[in-house]
Every structure is written in C-alpha cells, then in structure tokens.
N, C-alpha and C. Protein backbone atom coordinates (compact mmCIF):
# COMPACT_ATOMS: atom_id res chain seq x y z
N UNK A 1 -179.03 24.49 60.84
CA UNK A 1 -178.78 23.06 60.74
C UNK A 1 -178.85 22.48 62.14
N UNK A 2 -179.71 21.52 62.38
CA UNK A 2 -179.76 20.87 63.69
C UNK A 2 -178.45 20.17 63.99
N UNK A 3 -178.19 19.99 65.27
CA UNK A 3 -176.98 19.30 65.67
C UNK A 3 -177.07 17.84 65.24
N UNK A 4 -176.18 17.41 64.31
CA UNK A 4 -176.26 16.02 63.88
C UNK A 4 -175.75 15.09 64.97
N UNK A 5 -176.44 13.98 65.13
CA UNK A 5 -175.97 13.00 66.09
C UNK A 5 -175.52 11.76 65.33
N UNK A 6 -174.50 11.14 65.85
CA UNK A 6 -173.98 9.94 65.21
C UNK A 6 -174.67 8.72 65.79
N UNK A 7 -174.68 7.65 65.03
CA UNK A 7 -175.31 6.42 65.51
C UNK A 7 -174.43 5.77 66.57
N UNK A 8 -175.03 4.89 67.36
CA UNK A 8 -174.28 4.16 68.38
C UNK A 8 -173.18 3.31 67.74
N UNK A 9 -173.47 2.71 66.58
CA UNK A 9 -172.48 1.88 65.88
C UNK A 9 -171.27 2.71 65.46
N UNK A 10 -171.53 3.91 64.97
CA UNK A 10 -170.44 4.79 64.54
C UNK A 10 -169.62 5.25 65.74
N UNK A 11 -170.31 5.62 66.82
CA UNK A 11 -169.61 6.05 68.04
C UNK A 11 -168.72 4.94 68.58
N UNK A 12 -169.24 3.72 68.59
CA UNK A 12 -168.46 2.58 69.08
C UNK A 12 -167.25 2.32 68.18
N UNK A 13 -167.47 2.34 66.87
CA UNK A 13 -166.36 2.10 65.95
C UNK A 13 -165.30 3.20 66.05
N UNK A 14 -165.75 4.44 66.22
CA UNK A 14 -164.80 5.54 66.34
C UNK A 14 -164.00 5.44 67.64
N UNK A 15 -164.66 5.02 68.73
CA UNK A 15 -164.00 4.92 70.02
C UNK A 15 -163.03 3.74 70.08
N UNK A 16 -163.46 2.60 69.55
CA UNK A 16 -162.64 1.39 69.63
C UNK A 16 -161.65 1.24 68.48
N UNK A 17 -161.95 1.88 67.35
CA UNK A 17 -161.11 1.82 66.15
C UNK A 17 -160.69 0.40 65.80
N UNK A 18 -161.67 -0.50 65.60
CA UNK A 18 -161.29 -1.87 65.24
C UNK A 18 -160.60 -1.89 63.88
N UNK A 19 -159.58 -2.69 63.79
CA UNK A 19 -158.75 -2.76 62.59
C UNK A 19 -159.55 -3.16 61.36
N UNK A 20 -160.56 -4.01 61.55
CA UNK A 20 -161.31 -4.52 60.40
C UNK A 20 -162.43 -3.57 59.94
N UNK A 21 -162.74 -2.54 60.71
CA UNK A 21 -163.83 -1.62 60.34
C UNK A 21 -163.35 -0.58 59.34
N UNK A 22 -164.15 -0.37 58.33
CA UNK A 22 -163.82 0.61 57.30
C UNK A 22 -164.82 1.76 57.40
N UNK A 23 -164.31 2.98 57.49
CA UNK A 23 -165.12 4.18 57.49
C UNK A 23 -165.11 4.75 56.08
N UNK A 24 -166.26 5.13 55.59
CA UNK A 24 -166.36 5.80 54.29
C UNK A 24 -166.87 7.22 54.51
N UNK A 25 -166.12 8.19 54.03
CA UNK A 25 -166.58 9.56 54.08
C UNK A 25 -167.07 9.91 52.67
N UNK A 26 -168.31 10.41 52.60
CA UNK A 26 -168.88 10.72 51.31
C UNK A 26 -169.37 12.16 51.27
N UNK A 27 -169.42 12.69 50.07
CA UNK A 27 -169.96 14.02 49.85
C UNK A 27 -171.00 13.96 48.75
N UNK A 28 -172.03 14.73 48.91
CA UNK A 28 -173.02 14.94 47.86
C UNK A 28 -172.99 16.41 47.51
N UNK A 29 -172.82 16.71 46.23
CA UNK A 29 -172.93 18.07 45.73
C UNK A 29 -174.29 18.15 45.05
N UNK A 30 -175.17 18.99 45.58
CA UNK A 30 -176.55 19.06 45.11
C UNK A 30 -176.84 20.46 44.57
N UNK A 31 -177.50 20.50 43.41
CA UNK A 31 -177.84 21.77 42.80
C UNK A 31 -179.09 21.60 41.95
N UNK A 32 -179.89 22.64 41.83
CA UNK A 32 -181.14 22.58 41.06
C UNK A 32 -180.90 22.24 39.59
N UNK A 33 -179.74 22.56 39.05
CA UNK A 33 -179.44 22.30 37.63
C UNK A 33 -178.87 20.91 37.38
N UNK A 34 -178.64 20.12 38.43
CA UNK A 34 -178.11 18.76 38.25
C UNK A 34 -179.28 17.81 37.99
N UNK A 35 -179.32 17.24 36.79
CA UNK A 35 -180.37 16.29 36.45
C UNK A 35 -179.75 15.06 35.79
N UNK A 36 -180.46 13.93 35.88
CA UNK A 36 -179.98 12.70 35.25
C UNK A 36 -180.46 12.64 33.79
N UNK A 37 -180.21 11.52 33.13
CA UNK A 37 -180.57 11.38 31.72
C UNK A 37 -182.07 11.46 31.48
N UNK A 38 -182.87 11.21 32.50
CA UNK A 38 -184.33 11.28 32.38
C UNK A 38 -184.88 12.65 32.75
N UNK A 39 -183.99 13.57 33.13
CA UNK A 39 -184.43 14.90 33.54
C UNK A 39 -184.83 14.99 34.99
N UNK A 40 -184.61 13.91 35.77
CA UNK A 40 -184.94 13.91 37.19
C UNK A 40 -183.80 14.54 37.99
N UNK A 41 -184.10 15.13 39.16
CA UNK A 41 -183.04 15.72 39.98
C UNK A 41 -181.96 14.69 40.29
N UNK A 42 -180.73 15.14 40.25
CA UNK A 42 -179.58 14.28 40.51
C UNK A 42 -178.56 15.06 41.31
N UNK A 43 -177.55 14.40 41.77
CA UNK A 43 -176.46 15.02 42.51
C UNK A 43 -175.15 14.43 42.05
N UNK A 44 -174.08 15.04 42.46
CA UNK A 44 -172.74 14.52 42.24
C UNK A 44 -172.36 13.84 43.55
N UNK A 45 -172.07 12.54 43.50
CA UNK A 45 -171.82 11.73 44.69
C UNK A 45 -170.37 11.28 44.69
N UNK A 46 -169.61 11.59 45.75
CA UNK A 46 -168.19 11.22 45.84
C UNK A 46 -167.91 10.48 47.15
N UNK A 47 -166.96 9.53 47.09
CA UNK A 47 -166.48 8.84 48.28
C UNK A 47 -164.96 8.97 48.31
N UNK A 48 -164.41 9.20 49.48
CA UNK A 48 -162.95 9.29 49.64
C UNK A 48 -162.40 7.88 49.73
N UNK A 49 -162.20 7.25 48.57
CA UNK A 49 -161.73 5.88 48.53
C UNK A 49 -161.17 5.60 47.14
N UNK A 50 -160.56 4.44 46.99
CA UNK A 50 -160.01 4.04 45.69
C UNK A 50 -161.01 3.24 44.86
N UNK A 51 -162.18 2.95 45.45
CA UNK A 51 -163.23 2.21 44.74
C UNK A 51 -164.56 2.95 44.91
N UNK A 52 -165.43 2.81 43.90
CA UNK A 52 -166.77 3.37 44.03
C UNK A 52 -167.49 2.68 45.18
N UNK A 53 -168.46 3.36 45.74
CA UNK A 53 -169.25 2.83 46.86
C UNK A 53 -170.72 2.97 46.53
N UNK A 54 -171.46 1.88 46.62
CA UNK A 54 -172.91 1.93 46.47
C UNK A 54 -173.52 1.79 47.85
N UNK A 55 -174.30 2.80 48.25
CA UNK A 55 -174.85 2.85 49.61
C UNK A 55 -176.20 3.54 49.59
N UNK A 56 -177.03 3.26 50.61
CA UNK A 56 -178.36 3.87 50.66
C UNK A 56 -178.32 5.27 51.29
N UNK A 57 -179.21 6.11 50.80
CA UNK A 57 -179.39 7.43 51.39
C UNK A 57 -180.48 7.35 52.46
N UNK A 58 -180.53 8.33 53.31
CA UNK A 58 -181.59 8.42 54.30
C UNK A 58 -182.92 8.65 53.57
N UNK A 59 -184.00 8.20 54.17
CA UNK A 59 -185.32 8.24 53.53
C UNK A 59 -185.75 9.66 53.15
N UNK A 60 -185.36 10.66 53.95
CA UNK A 60 -185.79 12.02 53.67
C UNK A 60 -184.75 12.85 52.91
N UNK A 61 -183.80 12.19 52.26
CA UNK A 61 -182.81 12.92 51.46
C UNK A 61 -183.53 13.70 50.35
N UNK A 62 -183.12 14.93 50.07
CA UNK A 62 -183.79 15.75 49.06
C UNK A 62 -183.72 15.17 47.65
N UNK A 63 -182.66 14.44 47.34
CA UNK A 63 -182.50 13.83 46.03
C UNK A 63 -182.34 12.32 46.22
N UNK A 64 -183.17 11.55 45.57
CA UNK A 64 -183.12 10.08 45.61
C UNK A 64 -183.26 9.51 47.03
N UNK A 65 -184.09 10.15 47.84
CA UNK A 65 -184.29 9.73 49.22
C UNK A 65 -184.64 8.24 49.34
N UNK A 66 -183.94 7.54 50.23
CA UNK A 66 -184.17 6.13 50.48
C UNK A 66 -183.61 5.19 49.42
N UNK A 67 -183.05 5.72 48.36
CA UNK A 67 -182.51 4.89 47.29
C UNK A 67 -181.02 4.62 47.52
N UNK A 68 -180.53 3.57 46.86
CA UNK A 68 -179.10 3.28 46.85
C UNK A 68 -178.49 4.06 45.69
N UNK A 69 -177.40 4.76 45.95
CA UNK A 69 -176.71 5.53 44.91
C UNK A 69 -175.25 5.10 44.88
N UNK A 70 -174.58 5.39 43.78
CA UNK A 70 -173.16 5.08 43.67
C UNK A 70 -172.35 6.35 43.86
N UNK A 71 -171.50 6.33 44.88
CA UNK A 71 -170.57 7.42 45.14
C UNK A 71 -169.30 7.11 44.34
N UNK A 72 -168.89 8.06 43.49
CA UNK A 72 -167.69 7.85 42.67
C UNK A 72 -166.44 8.00 43.52
N UNK A 73 -165.47 7.10 43.26
CA UNK A 73 -164.21 7.18 43.99
C UNK A 73 -163.55 8.51 43.67
N UNK A 74 -162.93 9.07 44.69
CA UNK A 74 -162.33 10.39 44.54
C UNK A 74 -161.29 10.57 45.63
N UNK A 75 -160.48 11.55 45.42
CA UNK A 75 -159.49 11.92 46.44
C UNK A 75 -159.88 13.30 46.95
N UNK A 76 -160.54 13.32 48.10
CA UNK A 76 -160.84 14.62 48.68
C UNK A 76 -160.35 14.67 50.11
N UNK A 77 -160.08 15.88 50.55
CA UNK A 77 -159.58 16.08 51.90
C UNK A 77 -160.07 17.43 52.38
N UNK A 78 -159.73 17.72 53.60
CA UNK A 78 -160.07 19.01 54.17
C UNK A 78 -160.77 18.87 55.49
N UNK A 79 -161.24 19.99 55.97
CA UNK A 79 -161.96 20.03 57.23
C UNK A 79 -163.40 19.64 56.96
N UNK A 80 -163.66 18.35 56.84
CA UNK A 80 -164.99 17.86 56.51
C UNK A 80 -165.95 18.12 57.68
N UNK A 81 -165.48 17.87 58.89
CA UNK A 81 -166.32 18.14 60.07
C UNK A 81 -165.96 19.54 60.57
N UNK A 82 -166.94 20.46 60.57
CA UNK A 82 -166.63 21.85 60.92
C UNK A 82 -166.33 22.03 62.39
N UNK A 83 -165.40 22.93 62.65
CA UNK A 83 -165.14 23.32 64.03
C UNK A 83 -166.20 24.33 64.43
N UNK A 84 -166.71 24.22 65.63
CA UNK A 84 -167.70 25.16 66.13
C UNK A 84 -166.97 26.11 67.07
N UNK A 85 -166.89 27.37 66.66
CA UNK A 85 -166.19 28.36 67.46
C UNK A 85 -167.13 29.51 67.75
N UNK A 86 -167.07 30.07 68.96
CA UNK A 86 -167.93 31.21 69.27
C UNK A 86 -167.66 32.37 68.32
N UNK A 87 -168.72 32.98 67.84
CA UNK A 87 -168.59 34.16 66.99
C UNK A 87 -168.27 33.86 65.54
N UNK A 88 -168.26 32.59 65.13
CA UNK A 88 -167.94 32.26 63.75
C UNK A 88 -169.02 31.36 63.16
N UNK A 89 -169.24 31.51 61.88
CA UNK A 89 -170.17 30.63 61.19
C UNK A 89 -169.44 29.33 60.85
N UNK A 90 -169.98 28.16 61.22
CA UNK A 90 -169.30 26.90 60.91
C UNK A 90 -169.02 26.79 59.41
N UNK A 91 -167.77 26.47 59.10
CA UNK A 91 -167.33 26.43 57.70
C UNK A 91 -166.45 25.21 57.47
N UNK A 92 -166.56 24.63 56.30
CA UNK A 92 -165.67 23.54 55.92
C UNK A 92 -164.95 23.94 54.66
N UNK A 93 -163.78 23.39 54.46
CA UNK A 93 -163.04 23.59 53.22
C UNK A 93 -162.69 22.22 52.68
N UNK A 94 -163.10 21.97 51.45
CA UNK A 94 -162.90 20.67 50.82
C UNK A 94 -162.00 20.85 49.60
N UNK A 95 -161.02 19.98 49.48
CA UNK A 95 -160.17 19.95 48.30
C UNK A 95 -160.35 18.60 47.63
N UNK A 96 -160.70 18.63 46.35
CA UNK A 96 -160.86 17.40 45.57
C UNK A 96 -159.76 17.41 44.52
N UNK A 97 -158.87 16.41 44.58
CA UNK A 97 -157.75 16.33 43.66
C UNK A 97 -158.08 15.47 42.45
N UNK A 98 -157.43 15.76 41.32
CA UNK A 98 -157.56 14.94 40.13
C UNK A 98 -159.00 14.75 39.68
N UNK A 99 -159.74 15.84 39.58
CA UNK A 99 -161.15 15.74 39.23
C UNK A 99 -161.35 15.37 37.76
N UNK A 100 -162.40 14.64 37.50
CA UNK A 100 -162.72 14.23 36.14
C UNK A 100 -163.47 15.35 35.42
N UNK A 101 -163.57 15.21 34.13
CA UNK A 101 -164.30 16.19 33.33
C UNK A 101 -165.76 16.25 33.76
N UNK A 102 -166.34 15.10 34.10
CA UNK A 102 -167.74 15.06 34.54
C UNK A 102 -167.96 15.91 35.78
N UNK A 103 -167.04 15.83 36.74
CA UNK A 103 -167.15 16.63 37.96
C UNK A 103 -167.07 18.12 37.63
N UNK A 104 -166.13 18.48 36.79
CA UNK A 104 -165.96 19.89 36.41
C UNK A 104 -167.21 20.40 35.69
N UNK A 105 -167.81 19.57 34.84
CA UNK A 105 -169.03 19.98 34.13
C UNK A 105 -170.17 20.24 35.12
N UNK A 106 -170.31 19.38 36.11
CA UNK A 106 -171.33 19.60 37.14
C UNK A 106 -171.07 20.93 37.87
N UNK A 107 -169.85 21.14 38.29
CA UNK A 107 -169.53 22.35 39.05
C UNK A 107 -169.64 23.61 38.20
N UNK A 108 -169.34 23.50 36.91
CA UNK A 108 -169.52 24.64 36.01
C UNK A 108 -170.99 25.06 35.99
N UNK A 109 -171.90 24.07 35.93
CA UNK A 109 -173.33 24.38 35.97
C UNK A 109 -173.68 25.17 37.23
N UNK A 110 -173.16 24.73 38.34
CA UNK A 110 -173.46 25.38 39.61
C UNK A 110 -172.88 26.78 39.67
N UNK A 111 -171.66 26.97 39.17
CA UNK A 111 -171.01 28.28 39.24
C UNK A 111 -171.67 29.29 38.32
N UNK A 112 -172.32 28.83 37.26
CA UNK A 112 -172.98 29.74 36.31
C UNK A 112 -174.37 30.14 36.79
N UNK A 113 -174.83 29.56 37.86
CA UNK A 113 -176.19 29.79 38.36
C UNK A 113 -176.18 30.69 39.58
N UNK A 114 -177.29 31.35 39.79
CA UNK A 114 -177.45 32.17 41.00
C UNK A 114 -177.87 31.31 42.19
N UNK A 115 -178.32 30.10 41.92
CA UNK A 115 -178.73 29.17 42.97
C UNK A 115 -177.49 28.57 43.62
N UNK A 116 -177.42 28.56 44.95
CA UNK A 116 -176.21 28.04 45.60
C UNK A 116 -176.08 26.52 45.49
N UNK A 117 -174.85 26.05 45.54
CA UNK A 117 -174.52 24.63 45.56
C UNK A 117 -174.59 24.17 47.01
N UNK A 118 -175.25 23.04 47.24
CA UNK A 118 -175.34 22.47 48.58
C UNK A 118 -174.40 21.27 48.67
N UNK A 119 -173.71 21.15 49.79
CA UNK A 119 -172.80 20.04 50.04
C UNK A 119 -173.31 19.28 51.26
N UNK A 120 -173.49 17.97 51.13
CA UNK A 120 -173.92 17.13 52.25
C UNK A 120 -172.80 16.14 52.57
N UNK A 121 -172.54 15.95 53.84
CA UNK A 121 -171.50 15.01 54.31
C UNK A 121 -172.19 13.81 54.95
N UNK A 122 -171.86 12.61 54.45
CA UNK A 122 -172.42 11.38 55.01
C UNK A 122 -171.31 10.39 55.32
N UNK A 123 -171.12 10.05 56.59
CA UNK A 123 -170.18 8.96 56.91
C UNK A 123 -170.92 7.62 56.92
N UNK A 124 -170.26 6.59 56.44
CA UNK A 124 -170.82 5.23 56.44
C UNK A 124 -169.83 4.29 57.11
N UNK A 125 -170.34 3.20 57.67
CA UNK A 125 -169.53 2.11 58.19
C UNK A 125 -169.71 0.92 57.28
N UNK A 126 -168.62 0.24 56.94
CA UNK A 126 -168.69 -0.93 56.08
C UNK A 126 -169.57 -2.02 56.71
N UNK A 127 -169.46 -2.20 58.02
CA UNK A 127 -170.22 -3.25 58.70
C UNK A 127 -171.70 -2.92 58.84
N UNK A 128 -172.07 -1.67 58.63
CA UNK A 128 -173.47 -1.26 58.76
C UNK A 128 -173.91 -0.47 57.53
N UNK A 129 -173.37 -0.83 56.39
CA UNK A 129 -173.64 -0.08 55.16
C UNK A 129 -175.13 0.00 54.85
N UNK A 130 -175.85 -1.09 54.99
CA UNK A 130 -177.27 -1.10 54.65
C UNK A 130 -178.11 -0.25 55.61
N UNK A 131 -177.53 0.14 56.76
CA UNK A 131 -178.24 1.01 57.70
C UNK A 131 -178.29 2.46 57.23
N UNK A 132 -177.48 2.80 56.24
CA UNK A 132 -177.46 4.17 55.73
C UNK A 132 -176.41 5.02 56.42
N UNK A 133 -176.50 6.33 56.23
CA UNK A 133 -175.52 7.24 56.83
C UNK A 133 -175.51 7.13 58.35
N UNK A 134 -174.35 7.35 58.92
CA UNK A 134 -174.18 7.20 60.36
C UNK A 134 -174.36 8.50 61.14
N UNK A 135 -174.93 9.53 60.49
CA UNK A 135 -175.27 10.78 61.17
C UNK A 135 -176.70 11.14 60.82
N UNK A 136 -177.43 11.63 61.82
CA UNK A 136 -178.80 12.04 61.60
C UNK A 136 -179.08 13.28 62.42
N UNK A 137 -179.42 14.39 61.82
CA UNK A 137 -179.56 14.57 60.38
C UNK A 137 -178.21 14.68 59.70
N UNK A 138 -178.22 14.53 58.39
CA UNK A 138 -176.99 14.65 57.60
C UNK A 138 -176.60 16.12 57.55
N UNK A 139 -175.36 16.45 57.93
CA UNK A 139 -174.94 17.86 57.89
C UNK A 139 -174.88 18.37 56.45
N UNK A 140 -175.45 19.54 56.23
CA UNK A 140 -175.41 20.16 54.91
C UNK A 140 -174.83 21.57 55.01
N UNK A 141 -174.20 21.97 53.95
CA UNK A 141 -173.52 23.26 53.88
C UNK A 141 -173.83 23.91 52.54
N UNK A 142 -173.72 25.23 52.50
CA UNK A 142 -173.91 25.97 51.26
C UNK A 142 -172.55 26.46 50.79
N UNK A 143 -172.21 26.16 49.52
CA UNK A 143 -170.91 26.57 48.99
C UNK A 143 -170.84 28.09 48.92
N UNK A 144 -169.81 28.64 49.51
CA UNK A 144 -169.60 30.09 49.49
C UNK A 144 -168.56 30.48 48.45
N UNK A 145 -167.69 29.54 48.13
CA UNK A 145 -166.60 29.83 47.19
C UNK A 145 -166.16 28.52 46.53
N UNK A 146 -166.07 28.53 45.20
CA UNK A 146 -165.60 27.37 44.45
C UNK A 146 -164.45 27.82 43.57
N UNK A 147 -163.31 27.14 43.70
CA UNK A 147 -162.14 27.45 42.88
C UNK A 147 -161.74 26.20 42.12
N UNK A 148 -161.68 26.31 40.80
CA UNK A 148 -161.28 25.19 39.96
C UNK A 148 -159.90 25.49 39.39
N UNK A 149 -158.96 24.53 39.54
CA UNK A 149 -157.61 24.70 38.99
C UNK A 149 -157.30 23.50 38.09
N UNK A 150 -156.11 23.48 37.55
CA UNK A 150 -155.71 22.37 36.69
C UNK A 150 -155.59 21.06 37.46
N UNK A 151 -155.32 21.13 38.75
CA UNK A 151 -155.10 19.91 39.53
C UNK A 151 -156.29 19.49 40.38
N UNK A 152 -157.29 20.35 40.53
CA UNK A 152 -158.43 19.97 41.36
C UNK A 152 -159.35 21.13 41.63
N UNK A 153 -160.19 20.96 42.62
CA UNK A 153 -161.12 22.00 43.02
C UNK A 153 -161.03 22.22 44.52
N UNK A 154 -161.38 23.43 44.92
CA UNK A 154 -161.42 23.77 46.35
C UNK A 154 -162.76 24.45 46.59
N UNK A 155 -163.46 23.99 47.60
CA UNK A 155 -164.78 24.52 47.93
C UNK A 155 -164.79 24.92 49.39
N UNK A 156 -165.21 26.15 49.65
CA UNK A 156 -165.48 26.60 51.02
C UNK A 156 -166.98 26.63 51.15
N UNK A 157 -167.48 26.00 52.19
CA UNK A 157 -168.93 25.93 52.40
C UNK A 157 -169.26 26.24 53.85
N UNK A 158 -170.44 26.83 54.04
CA UNK A 158 -170.88 27.24 55.37
C UNK A 158 -172.27 26.69 55.67
N UNK A 159 -172.56 26.56 56.94
CA UNK A 159 -173.93 26.20 57.34
C UNK A 159 -174.79 27.44 57.22
N UNK A 160 -176.06 27.25 57.33
CA UNK A 160 -176.98 28.39 57.31
C UNK A 160 -177.08 29.05 58.67
N UNK A 161 -176.29 28.60 59.62
CA UNK A 161 -176.34 29.15 60.98
C UNK A 161 -175.32 30.27 61.10
N UNK A 162 -175.77 31.42 61.52
CA UNK A 162 -174.87 32.55 61.74
C UNK A 162 -174.66 32.70 63.24
N UNK A 163 -173.47 32.39 63.71
CA UNK A 163 -173.18 32.45 65.14
C UNK A 163 -172.61 33.79 65.59
N UNK A 164 -172.61 34.77 64.68
CA UNK A 164 -172.03 36.06 65.04
C UNK A 164 -172.97 36.90 65.88
N UNK A 165 -174.27 36.61 65.83
CA UNK A 165 -175.24 37.38 66.59
C UNK A 165 -175.37 36.88 68.01
N UNK A 166 -176.22 37.55 68.75
CA UNK A 166 -176.45 37.17 70.14
C UNK A 166 -177.33 35.93 70.21
N UNK A 167 -177.15 35.17 71.28
CA UNK A 167 -178.02 34.03 71.53
C UNK A 167 -178.44 34.08 72.98
N UNK A 168 -179.67 33.99 73.31
CA UNK A 168 -180.78 33.87 72.38
C UNK A 168 -180.99 35.17 71.61
N UNK A 169 -181.73 35.08 70.52
CA UNK A 169 -181.93 36.24 69.66
C UNK A 169 -182.64 37.35 70.43
N UNK A 170 -183.60 37.00 71.24
CA UNK A 170 -184.31 37.99 72.06
C UNK A 170 -183.38 38.44 73.17
N UNK A 171 -183.19 39.74 73.29
CA UNK A 171 -182.36 40.30 74.34
C UNK A 171 -183.25 40.76 75.49
N UNK A 172 -182.93 40.32 76.68
CA UNK A 172 -183.68 40.69 77.86
C UNK A 172 -182.95 41.86 78.52
N UNK A 173 -183.51 43.05 78.36
CA UNK A 173 -182.88 44.26 78.88
C UNK A 173 -183.58 44.71 80.16
N UNK A 174 -182.89 45.51 80.95
CA UNK A 174 -183.46 46.04 82.19
C UNK A 174 -184.60 47.00 81.87
N UNK A 175 -184.51 47.72 80.76
CA UNK A 175 -185.58 48.63 80.38
C UNK A 175 -186.88 47.88 80.14
N UNK A 176 -186.80 46.78 79.41
CA UNK A 176 -188.00 46.00 79.10
C UNK A 176 -188.40 45.08 80.26
N UNK A 177 -187.43 44.61 81.02
CA UNK A 177 -187.69 43.68 82.13
C UNK A 177 -186.99 44.21 83.39
N UNK A 178 -187.60 45.21 84.07
CA UNK A 178 -186.96 45.85 85.21
C UNK A 178 -186.62 44.88 86.34
N UNK A 179 -187.29 43.76 86.42
CA UNK A 179 -187.03 42.79 87.49
C UNK A 179 -185.64 42.18 87.40
N UNK A 180 -184.98 42.33 86.26
CA UNK A 180 -183.62 41.80 86.09
C UNK A 180 -182.59 42.60 86.90
N UNK A 181 -182.91 43.82 87.25
CA UNK A 181 -181.95 44.70 87.93
C UNK A 181 -181.69 44.27 89.36
N UNK A 182 -182.62 43.55 89.95
CA UNK A 182 -182.42 43.16 91.34
C UNK A 182 -182.73 44.32 92.27
N UNK A 183 -182.45 44.16 93.50
CA UNK A 183 -182.73 45.23 94.47
C UNK A 183 -181.48 45.81 95.00
C-alpha cells in the first residue's frame, strides 16, 4: 500500500480544528460476493455518524469509482489509522456496535468465502465533501479476522505490506560486494 497523503484542506482542518468543521470517517467493506439488485459489484458503506452520508468516491475506486454513494450511519470505533512500527505489519482493529441484519448478511457472505474481505478507510470534510476523500491513495486493508457477536462485530485487518523482513529486500553482503568491507 503506498503511503497515503492527506489533502491540504484536511491537514489545515486537522491542525486548526475549527469548531464548525465536521470530519466524517467512513469505511467500505468490499468483497467479490457483494452485489447490488442488478448484479453489479457493490460494497457495504458505513460512516461513523448519527446520519447517513452521501459522498463521492475517488475516480479510480474499485467499486462505483467516481460515483456518489450513501454511507450508512453506524457506530464504529477502533484504531482506524494504523500505527507503523518497525518489525510489524500495519494492522487496524475496528469495532462496529449495534449492527443491522443487512450488515451481518454482507459479512456472512464474506466469511463463507475463501476470497478475503477488503476494508477501505476514507476521511471526508463537510466543507469539501464534493472534493471526495481527503486521502490519496485511499488506505486499504485485508480482513484477517472477523468476529460477530450479539452486540456487534470486530474486524482485524492488515495491509499487504509485511514489515517483518529486511529493507531493502536485496541484501548487500561483503561476499557479493567486497568493496563494502573497506580497507
């Protein structure tokens, strides 16, 4: 996953924290088995808010790219922005409380499949809603563990980047590059 960069508007709003600015954190749960009534690819769209949010996706989004979609209001929390630590694969843990039957049905489809569930995080600013997500590229994660309980769901997801190996991948050894030894 490339390093996502935030827009200047988002950076300014985050730094100044104006009282009138509203931040929307959204999640997209994407899976090959998620389709709409017409049989077209679809996703489960959630916003951490008390009201639904209709907002545009980035033009190159894998599902409904460049279109406006409705993110369903939801109560989710967790480490949405992953911590980057040496020797660890970036991971997020999301808890969604009070999930509806529709959400559980979508996740059941994903859990019954061998194809992994993808989670995308998109922050939006109310003042720049029509500009689309405030991160480019949109960070995406692959669900590693999904737990459904009576009160909600918990998802652990990881990036496709494995930071446990050496970087750079090519190792420059004295045997292969004797000039590294010095004199």
